Protein backbone atom coordinates (compact mmCIF):
# COMPACT_ATOMS: atom_id res chain seq x y z
CA MET A 1 0.00 0.00 0.00
CA VAL A 2 2.80 2.44 0.88
CA ALA A 3 4.57 1.66 -2.39
CA LEU A 4 1.35 2.45 -4.25
CA ALA A 5 1.00 5.76 -2.44
CA GLU A 6 4.55 6.69 -3.35
CA GLU A 7 4.08 5.63 -6.95
CA LEU A 8 0.88 7.57 -7.44
CA GLY A 9 2.28 10.49 -5.48
CA GLN A 10 4.84 11.20 -8.19
CA THR A 11 2.19 13.18 -10.07
CA ALA A 12 0.41 15.84 -8.08
CA ARG A 13 -2.16 16.47 -10.75
CA ALA A 14 -3.29 14.66 -13.89
CA ALA A 15 -5.83 15.78 -16.48
CA ALA A 16 -7.84 14.11 -19.23
CA ARG A 17 -10.63 15.15 -21.53
CA GLY A 18 -13.67 12.92 -21.93
CA ARG A 19 -16.96 13.05 -23.80
CA GLY A 20 -19.54 15.77 -23.29
CA GLY A 21 -16.80 18.40 -23.10
CA LEU A 22 -15.84 17.29 -19.59
CA THR A 23 -12.24 17.74 -18.48
CA ALA A 24 -11.07 15.56 -15.60
CA GLU A 25 -8.44 16.75 -13.17
CA VAL A 26 -7.01 14.49 -10.47
CA PHE A 27 -5.40 16.13 -7.43
CA SER A 28 -3.23 14.30 -4.92
CA ASP A 29 -3.12 17.07 -2.31
CA LEU A 30 -6.12 18.17 -0.22
CA VAL A 31 -4.60 21.59 0.31
CA ALA A 32 -4.40 22.17 -3.43
CA VAL A 33 -8.13 21.71 -3.86
CA GLU A 34 -9.43 23.00 -0.50
CA GLY A 35 -10.36 26.47 -1.74
CA LEU A 36 -12.35 25.13 -4.70
CA TRP A 37 -13.97 22.45 -2.53
CA ARG A 38 -15.16 24.89 0.13
CA GLU A 39 -16.42 27.28 -2.51
CA LEU A 40 -18.51 24.52 -4.07
CA GLU A 41 -19.95 23.16 -0.81
CA THR A 42 -20.99 26.59 0.47
CA ASP A 43 -22.75 27.55 -2.76
CA PRO A 44 -26.54 27.43 -2.20
CA ALA A 45 -26.90 25.58 -5.51
CA VAL A 46 -24.71 22.62 -4.46
CA LEU A 47 -26.10 19.06 -4.42
CA MET A 48 -24.16 16.85 -2.01
CA THR A 49 -24.35 14.69 1.10
CA PRO A 50 -22.69 15.71 4.39
CA TYR A 51 -20.18 12.89 3.95
CA GLN A 52 -18.51 14.79 1.11
CA ARG A 53 -17.88 17.96 3.13
CA PHE A 54 -14.21 18.97 3.12
CA ASP A 55 -14.02 18.83 6.92
CA TRP A 56 -15.49 15.30 7.08
CA VAL A 57 -13.07 14.00 4.45
CA ALA A 58 -10.06 15.81 5.94
CA ALA A 59 -10.81 14.34 9.39
CA PHE A 60 -11.13 10.85 7.92
CA LEU A 61 -7.87 11.05 5.99
CA GLY A 62 -6.02 12.62 8.88
CA ALA A 63 -6.96 9.75 11.19
CA GLY A 64 -5.11 7.24 9.04
CA ILE A 65 -7.97 4.76 8.77
CA ASP A 66 -6.95 3.87 5.21
CA ALA A 67 -3.23 4.26 5.92
CA GLY A 68 -1.12 3.47 2.88
CA GLU A 69 -3.85 4.22 0.35
CA ALA A 70 -3.42 7.30 -1.82
CA ALA A 71 -5.92 10.16 -1.69
CA ARG A 72 -7.11 11.40 -5.07
CA ILE A 73 -9.61 14.23 -5.55
CA LEU A 74 -11.31 14.09 -8.92
CA VAL A 75 -12.71 17.34 -10.35
CA LEU A 76 -14.70 17.43 -13.58
CA ARG A 77 -14.99 20.72 -15.45
CA ASP A 78 -17.26 21.56 -18.37
CA ALA A 79 -16.25 23.14 -21.69
CA LEU A 80 -16.41 26.59 -20.06
CA GLY A 81 -13.96 25.56 -17.35
CA ARG A 82 -16.59 25.50 -14.59
CA SER A 83 -16.21 22.88 -11.87
CA ARG A 84 -19.21 20.58 -12.17
CA VAL A 85 -18.36 17.47 -10.11
CA LEU A 86 -15.95 16.67 -7.26
CA ILE A 87 -15.33 13.13 -6.02
CA PRO A 88 -12.93 12.41 -3.10
CA LEU A 89 -11.22 9.04 -3.58
CA THR A 90 -8.69 6.71 -2.06
CA VAL A 91 -6.74 4.34 -4.30
CA GLY A 92 -5.40 1.05 -3.01
CA ARG A 93 -4.30 -2.28 -4.40
CA ARG A 94 -6.51 -5.31 -4.66
CA GLY A 95 -4.10 -7.92 -5.93
CA PRO A 96 -2.44 -6.43 -9.00
CA LEU A 97 -5.21 -3.87 -9.57
CA ARG A 98 -5.50 -0.28 -8.38
CA VAL A 99 -9.01 0.21 -7.00
CA ALA A 100 -10.54 3.65 -6.34
CA ARG A 101 -13.26 4.10 -3.71
CA VAL A 102 -14.99 7.16 -2.32
CA ILE A 103 -13.30 8.33 0.87
CA GLY A 104 -15.11 7.04 3.95
CA ASP A 105 -16.02 3.61 2.59
CA ARG A 106 -18.08 1.76 5.23
CA HIS A 107 -17.91 4.62 7.71
CA ALA A 108 -20.07 6.79 5.42
CA ASN A 109 -23.65 5.92 4.54
CA PHE A 110 -23.68 7.75 1.20
CA HIS A 111 -20.98 8.11 -1.46
CA MET A 112 -22.61 10.40 -3.97
CA PRO A 113 -20.33 12.87 -5.78
CA LEU A 114 -20.50 16.55 -4.95
CA PHE A 115 -22.36 18.24 -7.82
CA ALA A 116 -22.01 22.00 -8.27
CA SER A 117 -25.76 22.28 -8.92
CA ARG A 118 -28.82 20.31 -9.98
CA GLU A 119 -28.04 21.33 -13.55
CA ALA A 120 -24.58 19.75 -13.18
CA ALA A 121 -26.18 16.55 -11.86
CA ALA A 122 -28.41 16.44 -14.95
CA MET A 123 -25.50 15.37 -17.16
CA PRO A 124 -26.03 12.10 -19.04
CA ALA A 125 -24.86 9.09 -17.03
CA GLU A 126 -22.77 7.90 -19.96
CA ASP A 127 -20.88 11.22 -20.05
CA LEU A 128 -20.01 10.92 -16.37
CA THR A 129 -18.91 7.29 -16.79
CA ALA A 130 -16.75 8.18 -19.81
CA ALA A 131 -15.12 11.02 -17.88
CA LEU A 132 -14.36 8.63 -15.01
CA VAL A 133 -12.72 6.18 -17.40
CA GLU A 134 -10.52 8.90 -18.90
CA ALA A 135 -9.61 10.19 -15.45
CA GLY A 136 -8.83 6.65 -14.31
CA ARG A 137 -6.45 6.13 -17.20
CA ALA A 138 -4.68 9.40 -16.48
CA ALA A 139 -4.33 8.56 -12.78
CA GLY A 140 -3.37 4.90 -13.17
CA ILE A 141 -6.65 3.58 -11.72
CA ASP A 142 -7.90 0.17 -12.92
CA VAL A 143 -11.45 0.26 -11.55
CA PHE A 144 -13.81 2.53 -9.61
CA MET A 145 -15.99 0.82 -7.00
CA PHE A 146 -18.77 3.10 -5.72
CA ARG A 147 -20.84 1.86 -2.78
CA ASN A 148 -24.16 3.26 -1.53
CA GLN A 149 -25.02 5.58 -4.39
CA PRO A 150 -28.49 7.12 -3.81
CA ARG A 151 -30.72 6.88 -6.86
CA PHE A 152 -32.09 10.31 -5.92
CA TRP A 153 -30.83 12.98 -3.57
CA ASP A 154 -33.08 15.82 -2.49
CA GLY A 155 -35.41 14.86 -5.34
CA THR A 156 -32.68 14.96 -8.00
CA PRO A 157 -31.51 11.84 -9.92
CA ASN A 158 -27.89 10.87 -9.31
CA PRO A 159 -26.24 10.12 -12.69
CA LEU A 160 -23.62 7.91 -11.04
CA ALA A 161 -26.41 5.56 -9.94
CA GLY A 162 -27.56 4.98 -13.52
CA GLY A 163 -27.27 1.30 -14.43
CA GLY A 164 -26.00 0.35 -10.97
CA LEU A 165 -27.05 -2.78 -9.08
CA PRO A 166 -29.49 -2.53 -6.15
CA ALA A 167 -27.47 -2.43 -2.91
CA PRO A 168 -28.03 -5.15 -0.30
CA SER A 169 -29.72 -2.58 1.98
CA ASP A 170 -31.31 0.84 1.55
CA ALA A 171 -31.24 3.83 3.89
CA TYR A 172 -34.16 5.35 5.77
CA GLY A 173 -35.00 8.95 6.56
CA MET A 174 -37.57 11.68 6.82
CA LEU A 175 -38.24 15.21 5.69
CA LEU A 176 -38.38 17.90 8.36
CA GLY A 177 -40.72 20.86 8.32
CA PRO A 178 -40.22 24.44 9.53
CA ASP A 179 -42.58 23.80 12.46
CA ALA A 180 -40.85 21.46 14.92
CA GLU A 181 -44.04 20.44 16.74
CA ALA A 182 -45.85 19.72 13.48
CA THR A 183 -42.88 17.62 12.35
CA LEU A 184 -42.94 15.60 15.57
CA ARG A 185 -46.70 14.99 15.22
CA ARG A 186 -46.16 13.75 11.66
CA VAL A 187 -43.14 11.54 12.38
CA PHE A 188 -44.32 10.03 15.68
CA SER A 189 -47.86 8.72 16.00
CA GLY A 190 -50.09 9.96 18.79
CA ASP A 191 -49.81 6.61 20.53
CA THR A 192 -46.00 6.65 20.28
CA ARG A 193 -45.77 10.19 21.68
CA LYS A 194 -48.07 9.24 24.56
CA LYS A 195 -45.90 6.22 25.43
CA LEU A 196 -42.70 8.27 25.24
CA ARG A 197 -44.13 10.94 27.55
CA ALA A 198 -45.09 8.24 30.04
CA LYS A 199 -41.63 6.64 29.88
CA GLU A 200 -39.93 10.00 30.31
CA ARG A 201 -42.05 10.78 33.39
CA LYS A 202 -41.06 7.46 34.94
CA LEU A 203 -37.41 8.07 33.99
CA VAL A 204 -37.51 11.44 35.76
CA GLU A 205 -39.02 9.79 38.83
CA PHE A 206 -36.17 7.25 38.77
CA LEU A 207 -33.19 9.56 38.05
CA GLY A 208 -34.40 13.12 38.35
CA SER A 209 -34.69 15.58 35.47
CA VAL A 210 -33.14 14.73 32.10
CA GLU A 211 -31.99 17.00 29.31
CA HIS A 212 -31.00 16.85 25.67
CA ARG A 213 -27.48 18.15 25.08
CA VAL A 214 -25.75 19.02 21.80
CA ALA A 215 -21.97 19.15 22.08
CA GLY A 216 -20.79 22.69 21.46
CA THR A 217 -17.10 22.25 22.30
CA PRO A 218 -14.48 19.54 21.67
CA GLU A 219 -14.53 18.79 25.41
CA ALA A 220 -18.30 18.26 25.45
CA ALA A 221 -18.06 16.08 22.34
CA ALA A 222 -15.28 14.01 23.93
CA GLU A 223 -17.40 13.43 27.06
CA ILE A 224 -20.34 12.20 25.00
CA GLN A 225 -18.09 10.03 22.85
CA ALA A 226 -16.49 8.46 25.93
CA ALA A 227 -19.96 7.38 27.04
CA PHE A 228 -20.72 6.13 23.54
CA TYR A 229 -17.57 4.00 23.44
CA ALA A 230 -18.33 2.51 26.84
CA GLN A 231 -21.95 1.78 25.94
CA LYS A 232 -20.99 0.21 22.62
CA ALA A 233 -18.23 -1.86 24.21
CA ALA A 234 -20.74 -3.28 26.68
CA ARG A 235 -23.21 -3.99 23.90
CA PHE A 236 -20.67 -5.75 21.66
CA ALA A 237 -19.39 -7.75 24.64
CA ASP A 238 -22.94 -8.99 25.27
CA LEU A 239 -23.16 -10.03 21.62
CA GLY A 240 -19.77 -11.71 21.70
CA VAL A 241 -18.36 -9.72 18.78
CA ALA A 242 -15.33 -7.49 18.35
CA ASP A 243 -15.84 -3.79 19.01
CA PRO A 244 -15.00 -1.81 15.84
CA TYR A 245 -14.98 1.46 17.79
CA ALA A 246 -12.01 0.29 19.84
CA ASP A 247 -9.80 1.12 16.84
CA GLU A 248 -7.70 4.17 17.74
CA ALA A 249 -7.79 5.43 14.14
CA ILE A 250 -11.58 5.59 14.25
CA ARG A 251 -11.44 7.47 17.55
CA ARG A 252 -8.96 9.96 16.07
CA PHE A 253 -11.33 10.50 13.18
CA VAL A 254 -14.31 11.11 15.45
CA ALA A 255 -12.32 13.51 17.65
CA ALA A 256 -11.28 15.55 14.61
CA ALA A 257 -14.72 15.45 12.95
CA THR A 258 -16.59 16.57 16.06
CA ALA A 259 -14.36 19.63 16.51
CA PRO A 260 -15.66 22.96 15.13
CA GLY A 261 -15.18 23.35 11.38
CA ALA A 262 -13.23 25.99 9.53
CA ALA A 263 -13.39 29.44 11.19
CA GLY A 264 -15.37 27.90 14.08
CA GLY A 265 -18.15 26.66 11.79
CA THR A 266 -20.39 23.61 12.06
CA PRO A 267 -18.45 20.43 12.91
CA ALA A 268 -18.45 17.64 10.34
CA ILE A 269 -20.11 15.35 12.89
CA GLU A 270 -22.63 16.57 15.45
CA VAL A 271 -23.10 14.62 18.69
CA HIS A 272 -26.15 14.55 20.94
CA ALA A 273 -26.88 12.99 24.31
CA LEU A 274 -29.71 12.43 26.76
CA VAL A 275 -28.26 13.29 30.16
CA ALA A 276 -29.43 13.00 33.77
CA SER A 277 -29.18 16.63 34.86
CA GLU A 278 -28.16 16.09 38.48
CA SER A 279 -25.60 13.31 38.09
CA GLY A 280 -24.42 14.06 34.55
CA ARG A 281 -24.91 10.40 33.62
CA ILE A 282 -25.19 10.00 29.86
CA LEU A 283 -28.13 7.73 29.12
CA ALA A 284 -28.06 7.64 25.32
CA THR A 285 -26.07 9.16 22.46
CA PHE A 286 -26.54 9.98 18.79
CA GLY A 287 -23.97 11.14 16.24
CA GLY A 288 -24.44 12.25 12.66
CA ALA A 289 -22.69 13.88 9.72
CA VAL A 290 -24.22 17.30 9.11
CA ASP A 291 -24.39 20.23 6.76
CA GLY A 292 -26.76 23.18 6.69
CA ALA A 293 -29.67 21.13 5.36
CA ARG A 294 -29.36 17.59 6.69
CA PHE A 295 -28.47 15.35 9.63
CA CYS A 296 -27.19 11.92 8.55
CA GLY A 297 -27.21 9.47 11.46
CA MET A 298 -23.93 7.57 11.85
CA TRP A 299 -24.27 5.90 15.26
CA THR A 300 -26.41 5.63 18.35
CA SER A 301 -26.00 3.99 21.74
CA PHE A 302 -27.74 3.68 25.09
CA ASP A 303 -26.83 2.73 28.64
CA THR A 304 -27.16 -1.06 28.87
CA ASP A 305 -28.27 -1.00 32.52
CA PRO A 306 -31.47 -3.15 32.55
CA GLU A 307 -33.03 -0.73 35.04
CA LEU A 308 -32.83 2.00 32.41
CA GLY A 309 -33.87 -0.10 29.45
CA ARG A 310 -37.53 -0.05 30.44
CA PHE A 311 -37.54 3.74 29.98
CA SER A 312 -36.22 3.56 26.36
CA PRO A 313 -33.70 6.43 26.67
CA GLY A 314 -32.61 5.94 23.05
CA GLU A 315 -36.16 6.50 21.78
CA ILE A 316 -36.56 9.56 23.98
CA LEU A 317 -33.34 11.01 22.57
CA LEU A 318 -34.42 10.30 18.99
CA HIS A 319 -37.67 12.18 19.63
CA ARG A 320 -35.69 15.13 21.00
CA LEU A 321 -33.23 14.94 18.09
CA VAL A 322 -35.95 15.15 15.43
CA GLY A 323 -37.53 18.17 17.11
CA ASP A 324 -34.12 19.84 17.55
CA GLN A 325 -33.13 19.41 13.90
CA ALA A 326 -36.45 20.78 12.63
CA ALA A 327 -36.25 23.76 14.99
CA ARG A 328 -32.74 24.54 13.75
CA GLY A 329 -33.87 24.69 10.14
CA ARG A 330 -32.52 21.44 8.72
CA ARG A 331 -34.73 20.01 5.99
CA ALA A 332 -34.06 16.29 6.34
CA LEU A 333 -32.81 13.63 8.73
CA ASP A 334 -31.86 10.06 7.97
CA LEU A 335 -30.94 7.12 10.15
CA GLY A 336 -28.43 5.50 7.83
CA VAL A 337 -28.18 2.26 5.90
CA GLY A 338 -29.66 -1.01 7.11
CA GLU A 339 -32.87 -2.35 8.53
CA ALA A 340 -33.85 -1.74 12.17
CA GLY A 341 -37.11 -1.62 14.07
CA TYR A 342 -36.69 1.96 15.29
CA LYS A 343 -36.06 3.10 11.72
CA ALA A 344 -39.20 1.41 10.45
CA LYS A 345 -41.27 3.07 13.21
CA THR A 346 -39.85 6.54 12.63
CA CYS A 347 -38.91 6.99 8.98
CA ASP A 348 -41.31 7.65 6.13
CA GLU A 349 -38.74 7.76 3.34
CA THR A 350 -36.74 4.92 1.78
CA ILE A 351 -33.51 6.12 0.17
CA GLU A 352 -32.82 3.56 -2.53
CA LEU A 353 -29.12 2.76 -2.96
CA VAL A 354 -27.14 1.12 -5.73
CA GLU A 355 -23.61 -0.22 -6.13
CA GLN A 356 -21.78 1.10 -9.18
CA ILE A 357 -18.62 -0.43 -10.64
CA VAL A 358 -16.74 1.33 -13.45
CA PRO A 359 -13.92 -0.78 -14.98
CA VAL A 360 -11.11 1.21 -16.58
CA SER A 361 -8.35 -1.22 -17.61
CA PRO A 362 -8.96 -4.49 -19.49
CA ALA A 363 -7.56 -6.41 -16.52
CA SER A 364 -10.26 -5.03 -14.21
CA HIS A 365 -13.25 -6.56 -15.98
CA ALA A 366 -12.91 -9.91 -14.19
CA LEU A 367 -12.89 -8.15 -10.80
CA ALA A 368 -15.88 -6.04 -11.85
CA LEU A 369 -17.82 -9.16 -12.84
CA ALA A 370 -17.01 -10.94 -9.56
CA SER A 371 -17.99 -7.85 -7.58
CA ARG A 372 -21.32 -7.57 -9.38
CA LEU A 373 -22.08 -11.22 -8.67
CA ALA A 374 -21.26 -10.65 -4.98
CA VAL A 375 -23.57 -7.62 -4.83
CA ARG A 376 -26.42 -9.59 -6.41
CA LEU A 377 -25.93 -12.43 -3.93
CA LYS A 378 -25.85 -10.10 -0.90
CA HIS A 379 -28.95 -8.30 -2.18
CA ARG A 380 -30.83 -11.58 -2.59
CA ILE A 381 -29.88 -12.76 0.91
CA LYS A 382 -30.70 -9.46 2.65
CA ARG A 383 -34.07 -9.11 0.88
CA SER A 384 -35.19 -12.69 1.61
CA PRO A 385 -36.41 -13.24 5.21
CA ARG A 386 -35.67 -16.97 4.94
CA LEU A 387 -32.14 -16.56 3.55
CA TRP A 388 -31.31 -13.70 5.92
CA ALA A 389 -32.46 -15.75 8.93
CA ALA A 390 -30.24 -18.61 7.75
CA ALA A 391 -27.28 -16.22 7.33
CA LEU A 392 -27.77 -14.86 10.86
CA SER A 393 -27.93 -18.40 12.27
CA LEU A 394 -24.69 -19.26 10.50
CA ARG A 395 -23.07 -16.09 11.85
CA ARG A 396 -24.13 -16.95 15.42
CA LEU A 397 -22.79 -20.49 14.97
CA ARG A 398 -19.41 -19.17 13.84
CA ARG A 399 -19.25 -16.83 16.85
CA SER A 400 -20.04 -19.64 19.27
CA VAL A 401 -17.41 -21.89 17.67
CA ALA A 402 -14.82 -19.11 17.73
CA GLY A 403 -15.57 -18.38 21.39
CA ALA A 404 -15.48 -22.01 22.45
């Protein structure tokens, strides 16, 4: 991996011209493209997910999670020289092939490119694919593998999703309205709100008053994250599985991403907690990638104490979170990729996702074919209750054998 980074690092910038008048530039240095990137993401016309914010990507790269892979920022310009598309990538080896993926990989729920505007996103899918192939050749990339591409984002089709295979799982979210109370009444049924009020009253009787906190400083974020790590460690220990959040690189990423953004702006990741006011005990947490318009849920946790479980502190925090985000003017909130009961009860929007593979070199076609077959198989298993139940049983069997 390090050799690849050094090899690709010999060229700081490569350019190629594709069809549709698109010119592809490939940058190897975040600093070189930071000004353009921030200009694009702060333009009111931009179409992007919070996972492609400069601060989110910079925090991820700085943590060294994909150490040894080379960062490549792809910028596509039109015939007038205007920046139309930006895609942050890492390039690593898979056998003899150089594979490009959107930065964040499994730690990000969405990998859509950053489009300068809806008009830019309206380009023909074949023009975008052709530009990627030309850029890949110029940068020495054999294949692009794009996970979790939304078919639509904010009502606009994503051209990179065109012709992609349905992902094993979709994501789930909701639109938020300008009236927080009206949003809560729409998202949570009357019966659900009544039950949550009753649980919160009993929780207050048990622990005293509780409050919803949003971390406003690195210190506050670190305190909430410490509780999150402890709660998740306990949960994973109960399940008998390894704790992915024990990785120090992931913790470095979270620490950097929850710090205030450029010039003290919005952090890349916003963290929330339900806290017992008197003791300061953190009962539940929620973290999400954010921009001015959207909160994208990345993780959640709750205190595993059985005495607290009957009060559903995680559900109480989610209710507070939805109201908070609507009151602060965000237009949408999602709870990430994958099926879960609390998502089904809360969300009224399914965000369809696809997996897109773009082979560049002749040698990459075999890998692309194998990857497509794997995606189809995973999709079939996840969408079949019978096959998914069998897969879960096999997973539990392997855990029990490994722990024996």
